[in-house]
Every structure is written in structure tokens, then in C-alpha cells.
Amino acid sequence: MAKLDALDVWEADKAIDLADWTLGVVSGLLRPSFQALVLSAKDELLSLQVSGARLPSGERGALFHVAGRGTFELVRLERWPAAPGGAGERVLLTLRVWPKPS
């Protein structure tokens, strides 16, 4: 089975200045909000499973920058109980490319 690497993910509100936020992310000035594994990527959608103790806020107006993938808006957030023997709840995110391509 192939090993999945966790990607860094940064979270911000849509009201943020996108240029300043992106600059902070790519320059390394901003610390990642959490890490996640890519479960699927199709067209404009990206599905992630959050890994580690830090979790996304779940705010509807949230934007996410996924390392190596770009910027996305939140479409859906699902919270699942911890797997048997696991620690902490499981969080799945469905994200859509943002801003939406024309």
C-alpha cells in the first residue's frame, strides 16, 4: 500500500486580503493551521482527511490554501467519531477551487 503524505493546510476567512495571506503562506511567515491527507481530487473538488490534533474551524466562509494544490473554499465538513482504538474524531473536508474559474 502506498504511503500518503500529510500536506500543510492554512485556513483563513474570505474577508482576508488574499494577496497578503498568500504571500504569508508561500513565504513561510504563516504557520500551517493543520495537516491533511488527500483522499480524492477531481475537477474543481478536493477531498481531505484532517490528520493530527489541530482541526479546521468549520466556518462556512473559510478559505484553505493546500500546499502544492492552491486555494479552495469550504463546500462540506464532516465530523466522524474516532476509529476504534484511534485518538480523536475524524474530520473530512470537501473543498472547491477558489476563486471559481470562469
C-alpha atoms as a PDB file:
ATOM      1  CA  MET A   1       0.000   0.000   0.000  1.00  0.00           C
ATOM      2  CA  ALA A   2       1.342   3.448  -0.907  1.00  0.00           C
ATOM      3  CA  LYS A   3       2.133   5.801   1.970  1.00  0.00           C
ATOM      4  CA  LEU A   4       0.111   9.012   1.933  1.00  0.00           C
ATOM      5  CA  ASP A   5       1.964  12.147   2.955  1.00  0.00           C
ATOM      6  CA  ALA A   6       0.171  14.778   5.004  1.00  0.00           C
ATOM      7  CA  LEU A   7       0.050  18.199   3.358  1.00  0.00           C
ATOM      8  CA  ASP A   8       0.143  21.504   5.209  1.00  0.00           C
ATOM      9  CA  VAL A   9      -3.128  23.451   5.085  1.00  0.00           C
ATOM     10  CA  TRP A  10      -3.657  27.105   6.024  1.00  0.00           C
ATOM     11  CA  GLU A  11      -7.116  28.423   6.912  1.00  0.00           C
ATOM     12  CA  ALA A  12      -8.405  31.989   6.703  1.00  0.00           C
ATOM     13  CA  ASP A  13     -11.676  33.887   6.420  1.00  0.00           C
ATOM     14  CA  LYS A  14     -12.785  35.069   2.939  1.00  0.00           C
ATOM     15  CA  ALA A  15     -12.639  38.661   4.221  1.00  0.00           C
ATOM     16  CA  ILE A  16      -8.837  38.431   4.417  1.00  0.00           C
ATOM     17  CA  ASP A  17      -6.671  40.257   1.898  1.00  0.00           C
ATOM     18  CA  LEU A  18      -5.949  37.310  -0.411  1.00  0.00           C
ATOM     19  CA  ALA A  19      -2.667  38.700  -1.766  1.00  0.00           C
ATOM     20  CA  ASP A  20      -1.224  39.338   1.717  1.00  0.00           C
ATOM     21  CA  TRP A  21      -2.384  35.958   3.009  1.00  0.00           C
ATOM     22  CA  THR A  22      -0.956  34.097   0.011  1.00  0.00           C
ATOM     23  CA  LEU A  23       2.344  35.932   0.402  1.00  0.00           C
ATOM     24  CA  GLY A  24       2.469  34.960   4.087  1.00  0.00           C
ATOM     25  CA  VAL A  25       1.756  31.326   3.227  1.00  0.00           C
ATOM     26  CA  VAL A  26       4.268  30.907   0.387  1.00  0.00           C
ATOM     27  CA  SER A  27       6.999  32.860   2.189  1.00  0.00           C
ATOM     28  CA  GLY A  28       6.681  30.672   5.286  1.00  0.00           C
ATOM     29  CA  LEU A  29       5.704  33.575   7.557  1.00  0.00           C
ATOM     30  CA  LEU A  30       2.387  31.921   8.443  1.00  0.00           C
ATOM     31  CA  ARG A  31       2.308  28.600  10.259  1.00  0.00           C
ATOM     32  CA  PRO A  32       0.005  25.926   8.787  1.00  0.00           C
ATOM     33  CA  SER A  33      -3.375  25.629  10.521  1.00  0.00           C
ATOM     34  CA  PHE A  34      -3.407  21.819  10.288  1.00  0.00           C
ATOM     35  CA  GLN A  35      -2.323  18.896   8.130  1.00  0.00           C
ATOM     36  CA  ALA A  36      -4.452  16.652   5.935  1.00  0.00           C
ATOM     37  CA  LEU A  37      -4.293  13.690   3.572  1.00  0.00           C
ATOM     38  CA  VAL A  38      -5.710  13.978   0.049  1.00  0.00           C
ATOM     39  CA  LEU A  39      -8.439  11.386  -0.381  1.00  0.00           C
ATOM     40  CA  SER A  40      -9.508  12.436  -3.868  1.00  0.00           C
ATOM     41  CA  ALA A  41      -9.034  15.209  -6.404  1.00  0.00           C
ATOM     42  CA  LYS A  42     -11.457  15.569  -9.303  1.00  0.00           C
ATOM     43  CA  ASP A  43     -12.105  18.612 -11.465  1.00  0.00           C
ATOM     44  CA  GLU A  44     -12.532  21.555  -9.060  1.00  0.00           C
ATOM     45  CA  LEU A  45     -13.055  19.437  -5.920  1.00  0.00           C
ATOM     46  CA  LEU A  46     -10.544  18.203  -3.377  1.00  0.00           C
ATOM     47  CA  SER A  47     -11.397  15.834  -0.510  1.00  0.00           C
ATOM     48  CA  LEU A  48      -9.147  15.789   2.539  1.00  0.00           C
ATOM     49  CA  GLN A  49      -8.954  13.875   5.803  1.00  0.00           C
ATOM     50  CA  VAL A  50      -7.503  16.001   8.560  1.00  0.00           C
ATOM     51  CA  SER A  51      -4.608  14.380  10.417  1.00  0.00           C
ATOM     52  CA  GLY A  52      -3.163  15.367  13.755  1.00  0.00           C
ATOM     53  CA  ALA A  53      -4.566  17.211  16.730  1.00  0.00           C
ATOM     54  CA  ARG A  54      -5.222  20.590  15.088  1.00  0.00           C
ATOM     55  CA  LEU A  55      -8.587  20.866  13.326  1.00  0.00           C
ATOM     56  CA  PRO A  56     -10.230  23.348  10.936  1.00  0.00           C
ATOM     57  CA  SER A  57     -12.753  25.825  12.336  1.00  0.00           C
ATOM     58  CA  GLY A  58     -15.606  24.630  10.129  1.00  0.00           C
ATOM     59  CA  GLU A  59     -16.700  28.202   9.362  1.00  0.00           C
ATOM     60  CA  ARG A  60     -18.730  28.450   6.123  1.00  0.00           C
ATOM     61  CA  GLY A  61     -16.725  31.484   4.972  1.00  0.00           C
ATOM     62  CA  ALA A  62     -13.372  29.743   5.306  1.00  0.00           C
ATOM     63  CA  LEU A  63     -10.674  29.611   2.654  1.00  0.00           C
ATOM     64  CA  PHE A  64      -7.946  26.990   2.616  1.00  0.00           C
ATOM     65  CA  HIS A  65      -4.549  27.015   0.965  1.00  0.00           C
ATOM     66  CA  VAL A  66      -3.370  23.430   0.467  1.00  0.00           C
ATOM     67  CA  ALA A  67       0.380  23.035  -0.072  1.00  0.00           C
ATOM     68  CA  GLY A  68       1.101  22.266  -3.720  1.00  0.00           C
ATOM     69  CA  ARG A  69      -2.595  22.433  -4.657  1.00  0.00           C
ATOM     70  CA  GLY A  70      -3.693  26.076  -4.349  1.00  0.00           C
ATOM     71  CA  THR A  71      -6.559  27.932  -2.697  1.00  0.00           C
ATOM     72  CA  PHE A  72     -10.002  26.459  -2.033  1.00  0.00           C
ATOM     73  CA  GLU A  73     -13.319  27.319  -0.398  1.00  0.00           C
ATOM     74  CA  LEU A  74     -15.168  25.037   2.002  1.00  0.00           C
ATOM     75  CA  VAL A  75     -18.014  23.035   0.466  1.00  0.00           C
ATOM     76  CA  ARG A  76     -18.585  20.488   3.217  1.00  0.00           C
ATOM     77  CA  LEU A  77     -17.132  19.475   6.566  1.00  0.00           C
ATOM     78  CA  GLU A  78     -17.976  16.096   8.127  1.00  0.00           C
ATOM     79  CA  ARG A  79     -17.080  15.029  11.648  1.00  0.00           C
ATOM     80  CA  TRP A  80     -16.910  11.318  12.447  1.00  0.00           C
ATOM     81  CA  PRO A  81     -16.232   9.566  15.751  1.00  0.00           C
ATOM     82  CA  ALA A  82     -12.732   8.254  16.310  1.00  0.00           C
ATOM     83  CA  ALA A  83     -11.976   4.898  14.765  1.00  0.00           C
ATOM     84  CA  PRO A  84     -11.825   2.015  17.249  1.00  0.00           C
ATOM     85  CA  GLY A  85      -8.546   2.400  19.082  1.00  0.00           C
ATOM     86  CA  GLY A  86      -7.997   5.799  17.454  1.00  0.00           C
ATOM     87  CA  ALA A  87      -7.482   9.105  19.158  1.00  0.00           C
ATOM     88  CA  GLY A  88      -9.829  11.994  18.413  1.00  0.00           C
ATOM     89  CA  GLU A  89     -12.595  12.492  15.910  1.00  0.00           C
ATOM     90  CA  ARG A  90     -12.070  12.154  12.170  1.00  0.00           C
ATOM     91  CA  VAL A  91     -12.693  15.258  10.064  1.00  0.00           C
ATOM     92  CA  LEU A  92     -13.301  15.134   6.323  1.00  0.00           C
ATOM     93  CA  LEU A  93     -13.278  18.254   4.157  1.00  0.00           C
ATOM     94  CA  THR A  94     -14.622  18.777   0.663  1.00  0.00           C
ATOM     95  CA  LEU A  95     -13.118  21.879  -0.933  1.00  0.00           C
ATOM     96  CA  ARG A  96     -13.677  23.665  -4.253  1.00  0.00           C
ATOM     97  CA  VAL A  97     -11.113  25.715  -6.163  1.00  0.00           C
ATOM     98  CA  TRP A  98     -11.376  29.411  -5.261  1.00  0.00           C
ATOM     99  CA  PRO A  99     -11.870  31.790  -6.843  1.00  0.00           C
ATOM    100  CA  LYS A 100     -14.026  29.699  -9.146  1.00  0.00           C
ATOM    101  CA  PRO A 101     -12.509  29.610 -12.660  1.00  0.00           C
ATOM    102  CA  SER A 102     -14.609  31.399 -15.268  1.00  0.00           C
END
